[in-house]
Amino acid sequence: MTRIWFNRWFSVAYHYMNMIRQNDDQQVFELYGTHPDIEHMSLQACDHAETEPALEGWEYVQFCLDFCQRHQIQIFIPRLHMDEIARHTALFEEIGTKVMVCQDTELLSRLMDKDRFYESLQGTGVVEIPAYHVVNTAEEFKAAYEDLLARGHQVCFKPTNAEGGMGFRMIVDKRDPLEEIFGWVHLNVTFEEAYQTFAQAERFEDVMVMELLEGNEYSIDCLSSAKGELITAIPRMKSSGRVYHLEDIPELQQISERIAARYRIPYVFNIQVKYNGGVPKLLEINPRMSGGLYITCLSGVNIPYLAVKAILEQPFETPQPRLGIKASYVEQAVIMS
């Protein structure tokens, strides 16, 4: 029996744990999970759950090492504090724990800081990036906005170190507050509203002001070997509402191959691109399982389980995903243990 630990994951880890457990090879796993909220949804798929302490830096790594040693964890799949954990993978190896993380700590740091990563991609030909500026003051924000506007772009902005859609806003010419009160919550803000907000601080943390990409958005879930050799890449397009399309798009496959060849990210990673003017441009790369991976796995490829096989150095045939699939999801009631 192999013991696997997920630390403070999103609720979708519930699916990933069950995918590992319900594998075609009938391998047996014991699943552990921790989270500050002991009733968090991700823990409902665990065989063993514990409350996670609020720690940072080396103290958090020490907690992880102690947890792995106490429970004889063989595979640790971190989400929280991945960068800090990656710096100390040798210590986990010493106690018999394999860590499913990119061990290139410099790359990991750049991936989590979007402007540094964009900068590293300039002129490489790996993937197109949007036009952007990084700003720290209201005046810099104004100059960036005016430059992008003069180049014919609609404009949006987002903190450089935000995860997912946190902090993302689209700049519009005008808003109707009364109409908005009776409508859906959205991410629109006028330039003046944003400028006045930023002007309240002399300086603020890095914000990326960039061209708004208005075409289709794709999330490409990638499976790699322990050495970062790409095994499969499956594009998932977000359509209207909760509808997704798993599609065979050669140029997205080529982008995935170029990114994998350049950065050698092991096990599982996710590339997010969005089209503008017919050109796919990079939003970000997540060096972990994505929030929508369980939808991608409807292609017939059990990516979480195959990643476990990869880290255990167990051979498997190259999976052939079924594409041309339209998919969605519904809420499912679960009795909590």
Protein backbone atom coordinates (compact mmCIF):
# COMPACT_ATOMS: atom_id res chain seq x y z
CA MET A 1 0.00 0.00 0.00
CA THR A 2 1.32 3.45 -0.97
CA ARG A 3 0.62 6.43 1.29
CA ILE A 4 -0.04 9.78 -0.44
CA TRP A 5 -0.48 13.18 1.21
CA PHE A 6 -2.19 16.28 -0.25
CA ASN A 7 -1.57 19.45 1.81
CA ARG A 8 -4.08 22.33 1.73
CA TRP A 9 -5.50 21.76 -1.73
CA PHE A 10 -8.52 23.18 -3.51
CA SER A 11 -11.80 21.31 -3.10
CA VAL A 12 -11.24 19.62 -6.50
CA ALA A 13 -8.53 17.49 -4.86
CA TYR A 14 -11.54 15.40 -3.81
CA HIS A 15 -11.74 14.24 -7.44
CA TYR A 16 -7.98 13.72 -7.81
CA MET A 17 -7.77 11.53 -4.72
CA ASN A 18 -10.65 9.40 -5.97
CA MET A 19 -9.07 9.12 -9.44
CA ILE A 20 -5.87 7.81 -7.85
CA ARG A 21 -7.85 5.40 -5.70
CA GLN A 22 -10.08 4.16 -8.55
CA ASN A 23 -7.26 3.18 -10.90
CA ASP A 24 -7.42 0.50 -13.61
CA ASP A 25 -4.45 -1.40 -12.15
CA GLN A 26 -6.20 -1.94 -8.82
CA GLN A 27 -3.22 -0.52 -6.98
CA VAL A 28 -4.07 0.26 -3.35
CA PHE A 29 -3.39 3.69 -1.90
CA GLU A 30 -3.91 5.26 1.52
CA LEU A 31 -4.75 8.94 1.15
CA TYR A 32 -3.94 11.65 3.68
CA GLY A 33 -5.03 15.28 3.61
CA THR A 34 -4.54 18.39 5.71
CA HIS A 35 -6.31 21.74 5.69
CA PRO A 36 -6.94 24.53 8.24
CA ASP A 37 -10.66 23.70 7.89
CA ILE A 38 -11.12 20.10 8.99
CA GLU A 39 -14.48 20.05 7.17
CA HIS A 40 -13.00 21.21 3.87
CA MET A 41 -14.35 19.32 0.87
CA SER A 42 -10.95 18.07 -0.25
CA LEU A 43 -10.61 16.08 2.98
CA GLN A 44 -13.79 14.09 2.34
CA ALA A 45 -11.91 11.80 -0.05
CA CYS A 46 -9.13 11.10 2.47
CA ASP A 47 -8.62 7.99 4.52
CA HIS A 48 -6.99 10.20 7.15
CA ALA A 49 -7.44 13.96 7.65
CA GLU A 50 -5.80 16.42 10.02
CA THR A 51 -6.08 20.14 10.74
CA GLU A 52 -3.18 22.05 9.22
CA PRO A 53 -1.42 24.75 11.28
CA ALA A 54 -0.92 28.31 9.98
CA LEU A 55 2.85 28.37 9.43
CA GLU A 56 5.22 29.98 6.94
CA GLY A 57 8.71 29.35 5.57
CA TRP A 58 11.00 26.86 7.26
CA GLU A 59 8.48 26.24 10.07
CA TYR A 60 5.99 25.00 7.50
CA VAL A 61 8.61 22.75 5.88
CA GLN A 62 9.38 21.30 9.31
CA PHE A 63 5.67 20.58 9.81
CA CYS A 64 5.62 18.79 6.43
CA LEU A 65 8.71 16.74 7.24
CA ASP A 66 7.26 15.74 10.59
CA PHE A 67 3.91 14.81 8.99
CA CYS A 68 5.61 12.66 6.35
CA GLN A 69 7.77 10.93 8.94
CA ARG A 70 4.92 10.31 11.40
CA HIS A 71 2.68 8.80 8.74
CA GLN A 72 5.39 7.19 6.60
CA ILE A 73 4.21 9.15 3.55
CA GLN A 74 5.72 7.84 0.31
CA ILE A 75 4.36 10.53 -2.06
CA PHE A 76 3.76 14.16 -1.06
CA ILE A 77 1.66 16.22 -3.52
CA PRO A 78 1.92 19.83 -2.29
CA ARG A 79 -0.01 22.89 -3.36
CA LEU A 80 0.53 25.33 -0.48
CA HIS A 81 4.10 26.70 -0.23
CA MET A 82 5.33 24.64 -3.18
CA ASP A 83 8.32 26.91 -3.67
CA GLU A 84 9.53 26.55 -0.08
CA ILE A 85 8.99 22.77 -0.12
CA ALA A 86 10.86 22.45 -3.44
CA ARG A 87 14.00 23.95 -1.85
CA HIS A 88 14.12 21.07 0.63
CA THR A 89 13.17 17.99 -1.40
CA ALA A 90 16.45 16.32 -0.40
CA LEU A 91 15.28 16.29 3.21
CA PHE A 92 12.07 14.53 2.17
CA GLU A 93 14.04 12.01 0.11
CA GLU A 94 16.13 11.23 3.20
CA ILE A 95 13.00 10.06 5.06
CA GLY A 96 11.67 8.09 2.08
CA THR A 97 9.16 10.64 0.73
CA LYS A 98 9.01 11.54 -2.97
CA VAL A 99 7.69 15.07 -3.56
CA MET A 100 5.60 15.74 -6.68
CA VAL A 101 6.99 19.18 -7.37
CA CYS A 102 9.24 20.95 -9.87
CA GLN A 103 12.67 20.95 -8.21
CA ASP A 104 14.00 23.79 -10.38
CA THR A 105 13.41 26.42 -7.68
CA GLU A 106 14.46 29.35 -9.86
CA LEU A 107 11.93 28.32 -12.53
CA LEU A 108 9.26 27.74 -9.87
CA SER A 109 9.86 31.22 -8.49
CA ARG A 110 9.53 32.76 -11.98
CA LEU A 111 6.35 30.83 -12.75
CA MET A 112 4.76 32.27 -9.62
CA ASP A 113 5.80 35.82 -10.54
CA LYS A 114 4.18 36.49 -13.92
CA ASP A 115 6.19 39.51 -15.00
CA ARG A 116 9.53 37.73 -14.39
CA PHE A 117 8.30 34.74 -16.36
CA TYR A 118 7.02 36.90 -19.23
CA GLU A 119 10.38 38.64 -19.27
CA SER A 120 12.19 35.30 -19.58
CA LEU A 121 10.03 34.40 -22.61
CA GLN A 122 10.82 37.57 -24.57
CA GLY A 123 12.33 36.69 -27.95
CA THR A 124 12.40 32.91 -27.36
CA GLY A 125 9.69 31.99 -29.90
CA VAL A 126 8.23 29.50 -27.40
CA VAL A 127 4.85 31.22 -27.12
CA GLU A 128 3.46 34.68 -27.78
CA ILE A 129 2.90 36.87 -24.73
CA PRO A 130 0.48 39.80 -24.39
CA ALA A 131 1.63 43.41 -24.44
CA TYR A 132 2.09 44.46 -20.82
CA HIS A 133 3.63 46.81 -18.26
CA VAL A 134 4.36 46.23 -14.57
CA VAL A 135 3.43 49.20 -12.37
CA ASN A 136 3.72 50.22 -8.72
CA THR A 137 2.18 53.71 -8.67
CA ALA A 138 -0.98 55.37 -9.93
CA GLU A 139 1.03 57.45 -12.41
CA GLU A 140 2.75 54.36 -13.80
CA PHE A 141 -0.67 52.74 -14.10
CA LYS A 142 -1.95 55.75 -16.06
CA ALA A 143 1.05 55.72 -18.41
CA ALA A 144 0.71 51.97 -19.02
CA TYR A 145 -3.01 52.31 -19.72
CA GLU A 146 -2.49 55.16 -22.18
CA ASP A 147 0.32 53.28 -23.99
CA LEU A 148 -1.74 50.12 -24.46
CA LEU A 149 -4.77 52.14 -25.52
CA ALA A 150 -2.67 54.00 -28.12
CA ARG A 151 -1.53 50.62 -29.49
CA GLY A 152 -5.15 49.65 -30.11
CA HIS A 153 -5.66 47.34 -27.15
CA GLN A 154 -8.44 47.07 -24.64
CA VAL A 155 -6.84 46.93 -21.21
CA CYS A 156 -7.01 44.75 -18.11
CA PHE A 157 -4.84 44.34 -15.02
CA LYS A 158 -3.95 41.80 -12.35
CA PRO A 159 -1.46 41.47 -9.47
CA THR A 160 1.62 39.64 -10.73
CA ASN A 161 1.60 37.07 -7.92
CA ALA A 162 -2.16 36.38 -7.80
CA GLU A 163 -3.43 32.81 -8.21
CA GLY A 164 -6.27 32.08 -10.64
CA GLY A 165 -8.59 35.06 -11.22
CA MET A 166 -7.75 36.89 -7.99
CA GLY A 167 -7.44 40.63 -8.55
CA PHE A 168 -8.24 40.50 -12.27
CA ARG A 169 -10.16 43.52 -13.62
CA MET A 170 -11.16 44.73 -17.11
CA ILE A 171 -11.12 48.46 -17.84
CA VAL A 172 -14.28 49.76 -19.53
CA ASP A 173 -15.28 53.22 -20.71
CA LYS A 174 -18.30 53.51 -18.43
CA ARG A 175 -20.43 51.57 -15.98
CA ASP A 176 -24.05 51.79 -14.89
CA PRO A 177 -24.02 51.09 -11.12
CA LEU A 178 -27.80 50.76 -10.92
CA GLU A 179 -27.86 48.24 -13.75
CA GLU A 180 -25.05 46.33 -12.07
CA ILE A 181 -26.93 46.10 -8.76
CA PHE A 182 -29.69 44.18 -10.55
CA GLY A 183 -27.31 42.11 -12.70
CA TRP A 184 -24.49 39.61 -12.29
CA VAL A 185 -21.37 40.47 -10.36
CA HIS A 186 -18.61 41.20 -12.88
CA LEU A 187 -15.01 42.36 -13.12
CA ASN A 188 -15.45 45.68 -14.94
CA VAL A 189 -13.92 48.91 -13.65
CA THR A 190 -13.45 52.30 -15.31
CA PHE A 191 -10.00 53.82 -15.67
CA GLU A 192 -10.90 56.64 -13.26
CA GLU A 193 -12.14 54.19 -10.60
CA ALA A 194 -8.96 52.15 -10.84
CA TYR A 195 -6.70 55.20 -10.96
CA GLN A 196 -8.30 56.79 -7.89
CA THR A 197 -8.04 53.50 -6.00
CA PHE A 198 -4.35 53.07 -6.84
CA ALA A 199 -3.71 56.76 -5.97
CA GLN A 200 -4.68 56.06 -2.36
CA ALA A 201 -1.24 54.45 -1.88
CA GLU A 202 2.13 56.04 -2.64
CA ARG A 203 3.30 52.64 -3.92
CA PHE A 204 1.63 49.24 -4.14
CA GLU A 205 2.65 45.68 -4.96
CA ASP A 206 3.40 44.79 -8.58
CA VAL A 207 0.39 45.00 -10.88
CA MET A 208 0.54 43.83 -14.49
CA VAL A 209 -1.38 46.10 -16.88
CA MET A 210 -1.87 44.25 -20.15
CA GLU A 211 -3.81 43.90 -23.36
CA LEU A 212 -7.20 42.28 -22.89
CA LEU A 213 -7.32 39.00 -24.80
CA GLU A 214 -10.81 38.66 -26.26
CA GLY A 215 -10.76 35.29 -28.05
CA ASN A 216 -11.23 31.71 -26.85
CA GLU A 217 -9.46 30.68 -23.66
CA TYR A 218 -7.76 27.29 -23.39
CA SER A 219 -6.37 25.46 -20.40
CA ILE A 220 -3.89 22.78 -21.53
CA ASP A 221 -3.38 20.03 -18.97
CA CYS A 222 -0.01 18.36 -19.43
CA LEU A 223 1.43 15.11 -18.12
CA SER A 224 5.21 14.67 -18.07
CA SER A 225 7.74 12.14 -16.91
CA ALA A 226 9.87 12.68 -13.80
CA LYS A 227 12.50 14.20 -16.14
CA GLY A 228 9.99 16.61 -17.69
CA GLU A 229 9.49 14.78 -20.99
CA LEU A 230 6.00 15.57 -22.27
CA ILE A 231 3.73 12.50 -22.39
CA THR A 232 0.42 14.10 -23.32
CA ALA A 233 -1.16 17.57 -23.55
CA ILE A 234 -4.94 17.98 -23.61
CA PRO A 235 -6.51 21.37 -24.47
CA ARG A 236 -9.73 22.31 -22.68
CA MET A 237 -11.67 25.32 -23.98
CA LYS A 238 -14.03 27.18 -21.67
CA SER A 239 -17.24 27.89 -23.56
CA SER A 240 -20.47 29.47 -22.31
CA GLY A 241 -21.55 28.85 -18.72
CA ARG A 242 -20.19 25.53 -17.51
CA VAL A 243 -19.56 24.04 -20.93
CA TYR A 244 -16.06 22.92 -21.92
CA HIS A 245 -14.67 21.42 -25.13
CA LEU A 246 -11.74 19.01 -25.23
CA GLU A 247 -10.23 19.72 -28.62
CA ASP A 248 -7.41 18.57 -30.89
CA ILE A 249 -5.60 21.78 -31.86
CA PRO A 250 -2.15 21.25 -33.42
CA GLU A 251 -0.78 24.74 -32.60
CA LEU A 252 -1.64 24.29 -28.91
CA GLN A 253 0.04 20.87 -28.96
CA GLN A 254 3.13 22.52 -30.46
CA ILE A 255 3.13 25.24 -27.79
CA SER A 256 2.94 22.53 -25.11
CA GLU A 257 5.85 20.67 -26.68
CA ARG A 258 8.00 23.81 -26.84
CA ILE A 259 7.24 24.75 -23.23
CA ALA A 260 7.95 21.20 -22.04
CA ALA A 261 11.22 21.06 -23.98
CA ARG A 262 12.41 24.40 -22.61
CA TYR A 263 11.35 24.11 -18.96
CA ARG A 264 11.20 20.33 -18.28
CA ILE A 265 8.39 20.65 -15.72
CA PRO A 266 7.80 17.17 -14.24
CA TYR A 267 4.61 15.22 -13.55
CA VAL A 268 1.65 17.59 -14.06
CA PHE A 269 1.44 21.20 -15.19
CA ASN A 270 -1.12 23.47 -16.79
CA ILE A 271 -0.71 26.06 -19.55
CA GLN A 272 -3.32 28.79 -19.91
CA VAL A 273 -3.55 30.65 -23.21
CA LYS A 274 -6.10 32.96 -24.72
CA TYR A 275 -6.51 34.02 -28.34
CA ASN A 276 -6.44 37.59 -29.56
CA GLY A 277 -6.58 38.38 -33.26
CA GLY A 278 -6.23 34.69 -34.06
CA VAL A 279 -2.99 34.36 -32.05
CA PRO A 280 -2.80 32.21 -28.87
CA LYS A 281 -1.04 34.22 -26.13
CA LEU A 282 0.16 32.96 -22.79
CA LEU A 283 -1.72 33.85 -19.62
CA GLU A 284 0.24 31.69 -17.18
CA ILE A 285 1.73 28.28 -16.44
CA ASN A 286 0.77 26.46 -13.23
CA PRO A 287 3.32 23.82 -12.15
CA ARG A 288 0.63 21.65 -10.53
CA MET A 289 -2.71 19.97 -11.20
CA SER A 290 -5.21 22.58 -12.39
CA GLY A 291 -8.63 23.27 -10.91
CA GLY A 292 -10.35 21.88 -14.01
CA LEU A 293 -8.19 18.79 -14.50
CA TYR A 294 -11.05 16.49 -13.52
CA ILE A 295 -12.92 17.69 -16.62
CA THR A 296 -9.88 17.07 -18.83
CA CYS A 297 -9.72 13.50 -17.48
CA LEU A 298 -13.06 12.82 -19.22
CA SER A 299 -10.79 12.29 -22.22
CA GLY A 300 -10.09 8.87 -20.72
CA VAL A 301 -6.65 9.83 -19.37
CA ASN A 302 -6.36 9.49 -15.59
CA ILE A 303 -3.69 12.16 -15.21
CA PRO A 304 -3.46 12.16 -11.36
CA TYR A 305 -2.92 8.40 -11.28
CA LEU A 306 -0.43 8.40 -14.18
CA ALA A 307 1.53 11.16 -12.42
CA VAL A 308 1.72 8.88 -9.37
CA LYS A 309 2.98 6.07 -11.60
CA ALA A 310 5.56 8.46 -13.06
CA ILE A 311 6.94 9.46 -9.66
CA LEU A 312 7.03 5.79 -8.61
CA GLU A 313 8.91 5.04 -11.86
CA GLN A 314 6.27 2.51 -12.89
CA PRO A 315 6.04 2.07 -16.69
CA PHE A 316 2.82 2.73 -18.59
CA GLU A 317 1.77 3.06 -22.21
CA THR A 318 1.48 6.55 -23.65
CA PRO A 319 -2.20 7.46 -23.17
CA GLN A 320 -4.31 8.37 -26.21
CA PRO A 321 -6.90 10.95 -25.15
CA ARG A 322 -10.35 11.00 -26.73
CA LEU A 323 -10.90 14.53 -28.02
CA GLY A 324 -13.81 16.26 -29.69
CA ILE A 325 -15.70 15.99 -26.39
CA LYS A 326 -18.18 18.52 -25.00
CA ALA A 327 -18.30 18.35 -21.20
CA SER A 328 -19.74 20.04 -18.14
CA TYR A 329 -20.24 19.35 -14.44
CA VAL A 330 -22.98 19.35 -11.80
CA GLU A 331 -22.97 19.60 -8.01
CA GLN A 332 -23.01 16.27 -6.20
CA ALA A 333 -24.31 15.81 -2.67
CA VAL A 334 -21.83 14.06 -0.38
CA ILE A 335 -22.33 12.77 3.17
CA MET A 336 -19.39 14.13 5.15
CA SER A 337 -17.40 11.75 7.30
